[in-house]
Amino acid sequence: MASQRDIRRRIVSVQNTRKITKAMQMVAAARLRRAQMRIESTRPYALNMLEFIGQLARYLQVDLSMHPLLKPRTEINKVAVIALTADRGLCGAFNSNIIRRALDLVDSYTAQGVDYDLVVMGRKGVGTVRFLKKYRLDKAYLDVTERTAFLEAQALTNGVIRRYTADEIDRVHLVFNRFKSPMEQFVTDQVILPIQEEIMGLYTPTGAREHMDFLFDPSPEVILADLLPSYVEITIYRAILEGMASEHGARMTAMRNASEAADEMIDDLTLAMNRARQWSITQEILEVVAGADALSG
C-alpha cells in the first residue's frame, strides 16, 4: 500500500493538472464562440453564391463545357487530396480522424492506379504523414490562424485551379471536419473540382421561371467564369473556418472530459488516502495494545 505522503503528492499533482485542463477548456470555449460567429457569417454567402451560379448555369442555358472548372474528366489519372488538420493537439481524435480519411482516400486511388498529390494544412497532419514515410507530401501549410485563413485559402485555390485547368490533376478532394456543435464534428470528404454536380444539384431552385428577365453586362459566360474561382475560394475558406471551430469544440470537449476524469481520480486517491490513514491508526492501536499486554504479562 502506498504511503499517505505518496498519495498526497499524487492528489496535488492531479489537482494541478485539473487546473490546466479547466483553463484550456475555458480558452477553447471563448475561441469557439468567435469561430462560430465567423461560420454563421460565411455559410449564407457561400450557399447564396452557389444558388446564383446554379440559376445562371441552368436557366440561361450556359454551356457547361465552356469552362474547365465545370467539365468533369472522363478519365481520372491524378487527384489532389487536401487535408485540413490543426497545428496543436489535445483535441481528442480531431486530427487523427481527418488524416486517416485522407490517407484512406489516397490508398483507394493508388489501388486503382491513380496518382495523387497530397496537400496537408496543420502541423499534426504534416507530422503524421512525414512520420509514416509511406506517402508523398506535395505541399504543407503551417501556422494558419484565423487572420491568415483567407490568404491561405486564396493560395490553395490558385494552386488547384491552375493545375486543374492545365490538366495536371483531374479531381480535387477536400477533407475537413464539418462543425455541427461543440460535441459533434463530422469528417467530410468534399469534391470541390469539378463542381458541376453541386451547381446542377442541391441548390438549383425548383418552380422558377424558365428564363430569367435580366440583362447581363458582360455576358453570362464571362460572369460565370469570374464567379466559379470565387466559389472554390470561399468553399476552401469556409472549410478552414469549419475546421477551426471543430478544433476548438473538440478541444473543449476533450479538456472537459479530462477535468472530469481528474475529479474522479482525486476522489479515488482521497479514498485511498483515508484508508491508508485508517490502516495507520489501526496499526498504532494494535501496537499500543500489544505493548500493554506485554507489560501486564
C-alpha atoms as a PDB file:
ATOM      1  CA  MET A   1       0.000   0.000   0.000  1.00  0.00           C
ATOM      2  CA  ALA A   2       1.265   3.439  -0.933  1.00  0.00           C
ATOM      3  CA  SER A   3       2.117   5.780   1.905  1.00  0.00           C
ATOM      4  CA  GLN A   4      -0.019   8.785   2.778  1.00  0.00           C
ATOM      5  CA  ARG A   5       2.750  11.112   1.603  1.00  0.00           C
ATOM      6  CA  ASP A   6       2.878   9.477  -1.828  1.00  0.00           C
ATOM      7  CA  ILE A   7      -0.900   9.583  -2.210  1.00  0.00           C
ATOM      8  CA  ARG A   8      -0.999  13.225  -1.100  1.00  0.00           C
ATOM      9  CA  ARG A   9       1.635  14.101  -3.692  1.00  0.00           C
ATOM     10  CA  ARG A  10      -0.415  12.383  -6.389  1.00  0.00           C
ATOM     11  CA  ILE A  11      -3.526  14.292  -5.328  1.00  0.00           C
ATOM     12  CA  VAL A  12      -1.672  17.610  -5.569  1.00  0.00           C
ATOM     13  CA  SER A  13      -0.309  16.631  -8.992  1.00  0.00           C
ATOM     14  CA  VAL A  14      -3.760  15.716 -10.312  1.00  0.00           C
ATOM     15  CA  GLN A  15      -5.230  18.927  -8.887  1.00  0.00           C
ATOM     16  CA  ASN A  16      -2.609  20.975 -10.738  1.00  0.00           C
ATOM     17  CA  THR A  17      -3.387  19.092 -13.936  1.00  0.00           C
ATOM     18  CA  ARG A  18      -7.096  19.755 -13.446  1.00  0.00           C
ATOM     19  CA  LYS A  19      -6.396  23.491 -13.185  1.00  0.00           C
ATOM     20  CA  ILE A  20      -4.629  23.369 -16.540  1.00  0.00           C
ATOM     21  CA  THR A  21      -7.363  21.368 -18.274  1.00  0.00           C
ATOM     22  CA  LYS A  22     -10.084  23.669 -16.937  1.00  0.00           C
ATOM     23  CA  ALA A  23      -8.170  26.731 -18.112  1.00  0.00           C
ATOM     24  CA  MET A  24      -7.721  25.197 -21.562  1.00  0.00           C
ATOM     25  CA  GLN A  25     -11.423  24.361 -21.642  1.00  0.00           C
ATOM     26  CA  MET A  26     -12.333  27.980 -20.946  1.00  0.00           C
ATOM     27  CA  VAL A  27      -9.917  29.276 -23.605  1.00  0.00           C
ATOM     28  CA  ALA A  28     -11.288  26.815 -26.182  1.00  0.00           C
ATOM     29  CA  ALA A  29     -14.857  27.863 -25.336  1.00  0.00           C
ATOM     30  CA  ALA A  30     -14.026  31.542 -25.882  1.00  0.00           C
ATOM     31  CA  ARG A  31     -12.319  30.831 -29.207  1.00  0.00           C
ATOM     32  CA  LEU A  32     -15.194  28.584 -30.238  1.00  0.00           C
ATOM     33  CA  ARG A  33     -17.684  31.413 -29.862  1.00  0.00           C
ATOM     34  CA  ARG A  34     -15.656  33.625 -32.186  1.00  0.00           C
ATOM     35  CA  ALA A  35     -15.234  30.812 -34.696  1.00  0.00           C
ATOM     36  CA  GLN A  36     -18.985  30.123 -34.679  1.00  0.00           C
ATOM     37  CA  MET A  37     -19.694  33.759 -35.469  1.00  0.00           C
ATOM     38  CA  ARG A  38     -17.360  33.588 -38.477  1.00  0.00           C
ATOM     39  CA  ILE A  39     -19.021  30.405 -39.733  1.00  0.00           C
ATOM     40  CA  GLU A  40     -22.506  31.862 -39.354  1.00  0.00           C
ATOM     41  CA  SER A  41     -21.482  34.879 -41.417  1.00  0.00           C
ATOM     42  CA  THR A  42     -19.741  32.791 -44.105  1.00  0.00           C
ATOM     43  CA  ARG A  43     -22.265  29.997 -44.700  1.00  0.00           C
ATOM     44  CA  PRO A  44     -25.089  32.142 -46.171  1.00  0.00           C
ATOM     45  CA  TYR A  45     -22.672  33.858 -48.553  1.00  0.00           C
ATOM     46  CA  ALA A  46     -21.345  30.533 -49.877  1.00  0.00           C
ATOM     47  CA  LEU A  47     -24.808  28.986 -50.244  1.00  0.00           C
ATOM     48  CA  ASN A  48     -26.288  32.047 -51.950  1.00  0.00           C
ATOM     49  CA  MET A  49     -23.365  32.196 -54.351  1.00  0.00           C
ATOM     50  CA  LEU A  50     -23.848  28.520 -55.221  1.00  0.00           C
ATOM     51  CA  GLU A  51     -27.571  29.048 -55.730  1.00  0.00           C
ATOM     52  CA  PHE A  52     -26.990  32.018 -58.023  1.00  0.00           C
ATOM     53  CA  ILE A  53     -24.416  30.117 -60.079  1.00  0.00           C
ATOM     54  CA  GLY A  54     -26.876  27.243 -60.401  1.00  0.00           C
ATOM     55  CA  GLN A  55     -29.591  29.586 -61.651  1.00  0.00           C
ATOM     56  CA  LEU A  56     -27.194  31.221 -64.062  1.00  0.00           C
ATOM     57  CA  ALA A  57     -25.972  27.927 -65.482  1.00  0.00           C
ATOM     58  CA  ARG A  58     -29.369  26.285 -65.784  1.00  0.00           C
ATOM     59  CA  TYR A  59     -31.865  28.952 -66.683  1.00  0.00           C
ATOM     60  CA  LEU A  60     -29.643  30.941 -69.032  1.00  0.00           C
ATOM     61  CA  GLN A  61     -28.614  27.699 -70.753  1.00  0.00           C
ATOM     62  CA  VAL A  62     -24.910  28.294 -70.302  1.00  0.00           C
ATOM     63  CA  ASP A  63     -22.763  25.632 -71.940  1.00  0.00           C
ATOM     64  CA  LEU A  64     -21.045  23.957 -69.008  1.00  0.00           C
ATOM     65  CA  SER A  65     -18.312  22.537 -71.199  1.00  0.00           C
ATOM     66  CA  MET A  66     -17.076  26.071 -71.938  1.00  0.00           C
ATOM     67  CA  HIS A  67     -15.447  26.428 -68.522  1.00  0.00           C
ATOM     68  CA  PRO A  68     -12.861  23.859 -67.383  1.00  0.00           C
ATOM     69  CA  LEU A  69     -13.905  24.062 -63.719  1.00  0.00           C
ATOM     70  CA  LEU A  70     -17.364  22.724 -64.639  1.00  0.00           C
ATOM     71  CA  LYS A  71     -16.356  19.976 -67.021  1.00  0.00           C
ATOM     72  CA  PRO A  72     -15.833  16.546 -65.413  1.00  0.00           C
ATOM     73  CA  ARG A  73     -12.969  14.431 -66.703  1.00  0.00           C
ATOM     74  CA  THR A  74     -13.806  11.209 -68.475  1.00  0.00           C
ATOM     75  CA  GLU A  75     -10.589   9.611 -67.227  1.00  0.00           C
ATOM     76  CA  ILE A  76      -9.030  10.123 -63.786  1.00  0.00           C
ATOM     77  CA  ASN A  77      -5.242   9.916 -63.912  1.00  0.00           C
ATOM     78  CA  LYS A  78      -4.279  12.109 -60.973  1.00  0.00           C
ATOM     79  CA  VAL A  79      -6.138  13.525 -57.985  1.00  0.00           C
ATOM     80  CA  ALA A  80      -5.335  16.127 -55.346  1.00  0.00           C
ATOM     81  CA  VAL A  81      -6.278  15.421 -51.732  1.00  0.00           C
ATOM     82  CA  ILE A  82      -6.302  18.421 -49.365  1.00  0.00           C
ATOM     83  CA  ALA A  83      -6.451  17.570 -45.641  1.00  0.00           C
ATOM     84  CA  LEU A  84      -7.186  20.363 -43.154  1.00  0.00           C
ATOM     85  CA  THR A  85      -5.783  19.450 -39.727  1.00  0.00           C
ATOM     86  CA  ALA A  86      -4.686  21.573 -36.759  1.00  0.00           C
ATOM     87  CA  ASP A  87      -1.321  22.842 -35.575  1.00  0.00           C
ATOM     88  CA  ARG A  88      -1.934  21.710 -31.993  1.00  0.00           C
ATOM     89  CA  GLY A  89      -3.135  18.571 -30.282  1.00  0.00           C
ATOM     90  CA  LEU A  90      -5.050  17.913 -27.066  1.00  0.00           C
ATOM     91  CA  CYS A  91      -8.313  17.825 -29.026  1.00  0.00           C
ATOM     92  CA  GLY A  92      -9.203  14.151 -28.954  1.00  0.00           C
ATOM     93  CA  ALA A  93      -9.363  12.304 -32.271  1.00  0.00           C
ATOM     94  CA  PHE A  94      -9.825  15.509 -34.301  1.00  0.00           C
ATOM     95  CA  ASN A  95      -6.551  15.332 -36.233  1.00  0.00           C
ATOM     96  CA  SER A  96      -6.276  11.561 -36.484  1.00  0.00           C
ATOM     97  CA  ASN A  97      -9.771  11.195 -37.994  1.00  0.00           C
ATOM     98  CA  ILE A  98      -9.029  13.715 -40.747  1.00  0.00           C
ATOM     99  CA  ILE A  99      -5.626  12.368 -41.704  1.00  0.00           C
ATOM    100  CA  ARG A 100      -6.933   8.790 -41.593  1.00  0.00           C
ATOM    101  CA  ARG A 101      -9.744   9.650 -44.017  1.00  0.00           C
ATOM    102  CA  ALA A 102      -7.330  11.459 -46.336  1.00  0.00           C
ATOM    103  CA  LEU A 103      -4.817   8.612 -46.350  1.00  0.00           C
ATOM    104  CA  ASP A 104      -7.578   6.050 -46.904  1.00  0.00           C
ATOM    105  CA  LEU A 105      -8.640   8.104 -49.901  1.00  0.00           C
ATOM    106  CA  VAL A 106      -5.076   8.131 -51.197  1.00  0.00           C
ATOM    107  CA  ASP A 107      -4.793   4.354 -50.720  1.00  0.00           C
ATOM    108  CA  SER A 108      -8.072   3.841 -52.571  1.00  0.00           C
ATOM    109  CA  TYR A 109      -6.893   5.818 -55.587  1.00  0.00           C
ATOM    110  CA  THR A 110      -3.452   4.220 -55.513  1.00  0.00           C
ATOM    111  CA  ALA A 111      -5.048   0.773 -55.616  1.00  0.00           C
ATOM    112  CA  GLN A 112      -6.838   1.863 -58.805  1.00  0.00           C
ATOM    113  CA  GLY A 113      -3.570   3.015 -60.385  1.00  0.00           C
ATOM    114  CA  VAL A 114      -4.356   6.719 -59.957  1.00  0.00           C
ATOM    115  CA  ASP A 115      -1.542   9.071 -58.976  1.00  0.00           C
ATOM    116  CA  TYR A 116      -2.045  11.659 -56.236  1.00  0.00           C
ATOM    117  CA  ASP A 117      -0.878  14.939 -54.773  1.00  0.00           C
ATOM    118  CA  LEU A 118      -1.280  15.196 -51.017  1.00  0.00           C
ATOM    119  CA  VAL A 119      -1.628  18.693 -49.545  1.00  0.00           C
ATOM    120  CA  VAL A 120      -1.858  18.964 -45.749  1.00  0.00           C
ATOM    121  CA  MET A 121      -2.630  22.004 -43.627  1.00  0.00           C
ATOM    122  CA  GLY A 122      -1.625  21.850 -39.955  1.00  0.00           C
ATOM    123  CA  ARG A 123       1.439  20.605 -38.089  1.00  0.00           C
ATOM    124  CA  LYS A 124      -0.276  17.499 -36.732  1.00  0.00           C
ATOM    125  CA  GLY A 125      -1.248  16.196 -40.143  1.00  0.00           C
ATOM    126  CA  VAL A 126       2.109  17.087 -41.674  1.00  0.00           C
ATOM    127  CA  GLY A 127       3.945  15.376 -38.816  1.00  0.00           C
ATOM    128  CA  THR A 128       1.875  12.210 -39.217  1.00  0.00           C
ATOM    129  CA  VAL A 129       2.478  11.976 -42.969  1.00  0.00           C
ATOM    130  CA  ARG A 130       6.211  12.563 -42.567  1.00  0.00           C
ATOM    131  CA  PHE A 131       6.417  10.016 -39.763  1.00  0.00           C
ATOM    132  CA  LEU A 132       4.744   7.287 -41.804  1.00  0.00           C
ATOM    133  CA  LYS A 133       7.186   7.835 -44.718  1.00  0.00           C
ATOM    134  CA  LYS A 134       4.821   5.861 -46.953  1.00  0.00           C
ATOM    135  CA  TYR A 135       3.095   8.828 -48.558  1.00  0.00           C
ATOM    136  CA  ARG A 136       4.407  11.629 -50.718  1.00  0.00           C
ATOM    137  CA  LEU A 137       3.654  15.074 -49.288  1.00  0.00           C
ATOM    138  CA  ASP A 138       3.265  17.576 -52.114  1.00  0.00           C
ATOM    139  CA  LYS A 139       2.771  20.761 -50.068  1.00  0.00           C
ATOM    140  CA  ALA A 140       2.373  21.735 -46.404  1.00  0.00           C
ATOM    141  CA  TYR A 141       0.714  24.777 -44.841  1.00  0.00           C
ATOM    142  CA  LEU A 142       1.724  25.526 -41.248  1.00  0.00           C
ATOM    143  CA  ASP A 143       0.761  28.097 -38.604  1.00  0.00           C
ATOM    144  CA  VAL A 144      -2.567  29.031 -40.211  1.00  0.00           C
ATOM    145  CA  THR A 145      -4.528  31.378 -37.966  1.00  0.00           C
ATOM    146  CA  GLU A 146      -7.939  32.989 -38.211  1.00  0.00           C
ATOM    147  CA  ARG A 147      -6.280  36.157 -39.526  1.00  0.00           C
ATOM    148  CA  THR A 148      -4.348  34.371 -42.276  1.00  0.00           C
ATOM    149  CA  ALA A 149      -7.030  31.804 -43.156  1.00  0.00           C
ATOM    150  CA  PHE A 150      -8.379  33.725 -46.149  1.00  0.00           C
ATOM    151  CA  LEU A 151      -4.891  34.270 -47.565  1.00  0.00           C
ATOM    152  CA  GLU A 152      -4.161  30.557 -47.250  1.00  0.00           C
ATOM    153  CA  ALA A 153      -7.496  29.763 -48.904  1.00  0.00           C
ATOM    154  CA  GLN A 154      -6.539  32.036 -51.807  1.00  0.00           C
ATOM    155  CA  ALA A 155      -3.161  30.317 -52.142  1.00  0.00           C
ATOM    156  CA  LEU A 156      -4.781  26.869 -52.119  1.00  0.00           C
ATOM    157  CA  THR A 157      -7.425  27.952 -54.635  1.00  0.00           C
ATOM    158  CA  ASN A 158      -4.921  29.460 -57.038  1.00  0.00           C
ATOM    159  CA  GLY A 159      -2.798  26.323 -56.918  1.00  0.00           C
ATOM    160  CA  VAL A 160      -5.546  23.768 -57.507  1.00  0.00           C
ATOM    161  CA  ILE A 161      -7.306  25.847 -60.190  1.00  0.00           C
ATOM    162  CA  ARG A 162      -4.058  26.398 -62.061  1.00  0.00           C
ATOM    163  CA  ARG A 163      -3.229  22.708 -62.024  1.00  0.00           C
ATOM    164  CA  TYR A 164      -6.784  21.614 -62.791  1.00  0.00           C
ATOM    165  CA  THR A 165      -7.144  23.910 -65.796  1.00  0.00           C
ATOM    166  CA  ALA A 166      -3.715  22.775 -67.044  1.00  0.00           C
ATOM    167  CA  ASP A 167      -4.916  19.130 -66.903  1.00  0.00           C
ATOM    168  CA  GLU A 168      -2.269  18.270 -64.314  1.00  0.00           C
ATOM    169  CA  ILE A 169      -4.931  16.935 -61.927  1.00  0.00           C
ATOM    170  CA  ASP A 170      -8.387  15.569 -62.726  1.00  0.00           C
ATOM    171  CA  ARG A 171     -10.184  15.771 -59.368  1.00  0.00           C
ATOM    172  CA  VAL A 172      -9.727  17.664 -56.095  1.00  0.00           C
ATOM    173  CA  HIS A 173     -10.887  16.310 -52.723  1.00  0.00           C
ATOM    174  CA  LEU A 174     -11.171  18.471 -49.600  1.00  0.00           C
ATOM    175  CA  VAL A 175     -11.091  16.538 -46.304  1.00  0.00           C
ATOM    176  CA  PHE A 176     -12.028  18.502 -43.194  1.00  0.00           C
ATOM    177  CA  ASN A 177     -14.161  18.411 -40.053  1.00  0.00           C
ATOM    178  CA  ARG A 178     -17.587  19.975 -40.569  1.00  0.00           C
ATOM    179  CA  PHE A 179     -18.800  21.733 -37.441  1.00  0.00           C
ATOM    180  CA  LYS A 180     -22.270  20.954 -36.103  1.00  0.00           C
ATOM    181  CA  SER A 181     -21.957  21.577 -32.372  1.00  0.00           C
ATOM    182  CA  PRO A 182     -19.199  21.561 -29.741  1.00  0.00           C
ATOM    183  CA  MET A 183     -19.992  17.893 -29.185  1.00  0.00           C
ATOM    184  CA  GLU A 184     -20.410  16.898 -32.832  1.00  0.00           C
ATOM    185  CA  GLN A 185     -17.996  17.303 -35.712  1.00  0.00           C
ATOM    186  CA  PHE A 186     -18.180  15.202 -38.855  1.00  0.00           C
ATOM    187  CA  VAL A 187     -15.256  14.298 -41.092  1.00  0.00           C
ATOM    188  CA  THR A 188     -16.275  15.413 -44.579  1.00  0.00           C
ATOM    189  CA  ASP A 189     -14.824  14.425 -47.943  1.00  0.00           C
ATOM    190  CA  GLN A 190     -15.968  17.026 -50.480  1.00  0.00           C
ATOM    191  CA  VAL A 191     -15.092  17.035 -54.172  1.00  0.00           C
ATOM    192  CA  ILE A 192     -14.551  20.709 -54.981  1.00  0.00           C
ATOM    193  CA  LEU A 193     -13.328  20.249 -58.555  1.00  0.00           C
ATOM    194  CA  PRO A 194     -15.117  19.700 -60.815  1.00  0.00           C
ATOM    195  CA  ILE A 195     -18.144  21.454 -59.302  1.00  0.00           C
ATOM    196  CA  GLN A 196     -20.766  20.681 -61.935  1.00  0.00           C
ATOM    197  CA  GLU A 197     -22.725  18.261 -59.739  1.00  0.00           C
ATOM    198  CA  GLU A 198     -23.145  20.819 -56.950  1.00  0.00           C
ATOM    199  CA  ILE A 199     -24.211  23.583 -59.278  1.00  0.00           C
ATOM    200  CA  MET A 200     -26.782  21.496 -61.119  1.00  0.00           C
ATOM    201  CA  GLY A 201     -27.917  19.649 -57.991  1.00  0.00           C
ATOM    202  CA  LEU A 202     -28.918  20.610 -54.470  1.00  0.00           C
ATOM    203  CA  TYR A 203     -29.001  24.381 -54.714  1.00  0.00           C
ATOM    204  CA  THR A 204     -30.856  24.741 -58.026  1.00  0.00           C
ATOM    205  CA  PRO A 205     -34.277  26.130 -57.103  1.00  0.00           C
ATOM    206  CA  THR A 206     -37.451  24.467 -58.342  1.00  0.00           C
ATOM    207  CA  GLY A 207     -40.517  26.205 -59.683  1.00  0.00           C
ATOM    208  CA  ALA A 208     -38.587  29.183 -61.046  1.00  0.00           C
ATOM    209  CA  ARG A 209     -39.221  30.714 -64.425  1.00  0.00           C
ATOM    210  CA  GLU A 210     -37.582  29.001 -67.351  1.00  0.00           C
ATOM    211  CA  HIS A 211     -35.997  32.256 -68.476  1.00  0.00           C
ATOM    212  CA  MET A 212     -34.746  34.992 -66.194  1.00  0.00           C
ATOM    213  CA  ASP A 213     -35.686  38.573 -67.090  1.00  0.00           C
ATOM    214  CA  PHE A 214     -32.271  40.127 -66.566  1.00  0.00           C
ATOM    215  CA  LEU A 215     -29.792  41.874 -68.764  1.00  0.00           C
ATOM    216  CA  PHE A 216     -26.162  40.938 -68.211  1.00  0.00           C
ATOM    217  CA  ASP A 217     -23.102  43.017 -68.952  1.00  0.00           C
ATOM    218  CA  PRO A 218     -20.709  41.398 -69.571  1.00  0.00           C
ATOM    219  CA  SER A 219     -22.172  38.146 -70.894  1.00  0.00           C
ATOM    220  CA  PRO A 220     -23.383  35.353 -68.562  1.00  0.00           C
ATOM    221  CA  GLU A 221     -20.420  33.216 -69.650  1.00  0.00           C
ATOM    222  CA  VAL A 222     -17.965  35.875 -68.514  1.00  0.00           C
ATOM    223  CA  ILE A 223     -19.779  36.355 -65.212  1.00  0.00           C
ATOM    224  CA  LEU A 224     -19.799  32.599 -64.638  1.00  0.00           C
ATOM    225  CA  ALA A 225     -16.080  32.393 -65.401  1.00  0.00           C
ATOM    226  CA  ASP A 226     -15.430  35.065 -62.742  1.00  0.00           C
ATOM    227  CA  LEU A 227     -17.729  33.526 -60.122  1.00  0.00           C
ATOM    228  CA  LEU A 228     -16.516  29.933 -60.280  1.00  0.00           C
ATOM    229  CA  PRO A 229     -12.979  30.572 -58.934  1.00  0.00           C
ATOM    230  CA  SER A 230     -14.502  32.780 -56.236  1.00  0.00           C
ATOM    231  CA  TYR A 231     -16.829  29.947 -55.272  1.00  0.00           C
ATOM    232  CA  VAL A 232     -13.928  27.485 -54.973  1.00  0.00           C
ATOM    233  CA  GLU A 233     -12.090  30.054 -52.875  1.00  0.00           C
ATOM    234  CA  ILE A 234     -14.995  30.647 -50.484  1.00  0.00           C
ATOM    235  CA  THR A 235     -15.556  26.878 -50.250  1.00  0.00           C
ATOM    236  CA  ILE A 236     -11.985  26.287 -49.091  1.00  0.00           C
ATOM    237  CA  TYR A 237     -12.122  29.298 -46.762  1.00  0.00           C
ATOM    238  CA  ARG A 238     -15.360  28.060 -45.241  1.00  0.00           C
ATOM    239  CA  ALA A 239     -13.835  24.588 -44.751  1.00  0.00           C
ATOM    240  CA  ILE A 240     -10.870  26.126 -42.928  1.00  0.00           C
ATOM    241  CA  LEU A 241     -13.237  28.040 -40.627  1.00  0.00           C
ATOM    242  CA  GLU A 242     -15.316  24.901 -40.071  1.00  0.00           C
ATOM    243  CA  GLY A 243     -12.143  23.038 -39.160  1.00  0.00           C
ATOM    244  CA  MET A 244     -11.041  25.724 -36.704  1.00  0.00           C
ATOM    245  CA  ALA A 245     -14.424  25.741 -34.974  1.00  0.00           C
ATOM    246  CA  SER A 246     -14.389  21.931 -34.868  1.00  0.00           C
ATOM    247  CA  GLU A 247     -10.892  22.001 -33.368  1.00  0.00           C
ATOM    248  CA  HIS A 248     -11.966  24.363 -30.581  1.00  0.00           C
ATOM    249  CA  GLY A 249     -15.102  22.309 -29.938  1.00  0.00           C
ATOM    250  CA  ALA A 250     -13.138  19.061 -29.845  1.00  0.00           C
ATOM    251  CA  ARG A 251     -10.522  20.578 -27.524  1.00  0.00           C
ATOM    252  CA  MET A 252     -13.183  21.984 -25.218  1.00  0.00           C
ATOM    253  CA  THR A 253     -14.861  18.568 -25.027  1.00  0.00           C
ATOM    254  CA  ALA A 254     -11.548  16.767 -24.507  1.00  0.00           C
ATOM    255  CA  MET A 255     -10.478  19.140 -21.736  1.00  0.00           C
ATOM    256  CA  ARG A 256     -13.864  18.848 -20.024  1.00  0.00           C
ATOM    257  CA  ASN A 257     -13.570  15.058 -20.111  1.00  0.00           C
ATOM    258  CA  ALA A 258     -10.033  15.325 -18.745  1.00  0.00           C
ATOM    259  CA  SER A 259     -11.217  17.582 -15.917  1.00  0.00           C
ATOM    260  CA  GLU A 260     -13.996  15.146 -15.047  1.00  0.00           C
ATOM    261  CA  ALA A 261     -11.530  12.262 -15.116  1.00  0.00           C
ATOM    262  CA  ALA A 262      -9.239  14.250 -12.805  1.00  0.00           C
ATOM    263  CA  ASP A 263     -12.145  14.778 -10.382  1.00  0.00           C
ATOM    264  CA  GLU A 264     -12.809  11.052 -10.322  1.00  0.00           C
ATOM    265  CA  MET A 265      -9.114  10.316  -9.801  1.00  0.00           C
ATOM    266  CA  ILE A 266      -8.932  12.804  -6.932  1.00  0.00           C
ATOM    267  CA  ASP A 267     -11.946  11.134  -5.296  1.00  0.00           C
ATOM    268  CA  ASP A 268     -10.329   7.708  -5.659  1.00  0.00           C
ATOM    269  CA  LEU A 269      -6.993   8.946  -4.309  1.00  0.00           C
ATOM    270  CA  THR A 270      -8.723  10.687  -1.402  1.00  0.00           C
ATOM    271  CA  LEU A 271     -10.488   7.437  -0.555  1.00  0.00           C
ATOM    272  CA  ALA A 272      -7.188   5.558  -0.783  1.00  0.00           C
ATOM    273  CA  MET A 273      -5.505   8.132   1.477  1.00  0.00           C
ATOM    274  CA  ASN A 274      -8.297   7.814   4.056  1.00  0.00           C
ATOM    275  CA  ARG A 275      -7.906   4.060   4.006  1.00  0.00           C
ATOM    276  CA  ALA A 276      -4.155   4.402   4.412  1.00  0.00           C
ATOM    277  CA  ARG A 277      -4.687   6.775   7.360  1.00  0.00           C
ATOM    278  CA  GLN A 278      -7.200   4.387   8.896  1.00  0.00           C
ATOM    279  CA  TRP A 279      -4.818   1.476   8.442  1.00  0.00           C
ATOM    280  CA  SER A 280      -2.009   3.506  10.049  1.00  0.00           C
ATOM    281  CA  ILE A 281      -4.191   4.409  13.050  1.00  0.00           C
ATOM    282  CA  THR A 282      -5.321   0.809  13.424  1.00  0.00           C
ATOM    283  CA  GLN A 283      -1.722  -0.344  13.284  1.00  0.00           C
ATOM    284  CA  GLU A 284      -0.726   2.103  16.014  1.00  0.00           C
ATOM    285  CA  ILE A 285      -3.616   0.979  18.222  1.00  0.00           C
ATOM    286  CA  LEU A 286      -2.608  -2.653  17.765  1.00  0.00           C
ATOM    287  CA  GLU A 287       0.960  -1.813  18.709  1.00  0.00           C
ATOM    288  CA  VAL A 288      -0.209   0.008  21.845  1.00  0.00           C
ATOM    289  CA  VAL A 289      -2.449  -2.902  22.851  1.00  0.00           C
ATOM    290  CA  ALA A 290       0.328  -5.391  22.197  1.00  0.00           C
ATOM    291  CA  GLY A 291       2.730  -3.324  24.315  1.00  0.00           C
ATOM    292  CA  ALA A 292       0.217  -3.080  27.155  1.00  0.00           C
ATOM    293  CA  ASP A 293      -0.357  -6.830  27.075  1.00  0.00           C
ATOM    294  CA  ALA A 294       3.376  -7.447  27.221  1.00  0.00           C
ATOM    295  CA  LEU A 295       3.785  -5.170  30.246  1.00  0.00           C
ATOM    296  CA  SER A 296       0.835  -6.721  32.080  1.00  0.00           C
ATOM    297  CA  GLY A 297       2.112 -10.233  31.432  1.00  0.00           C
END
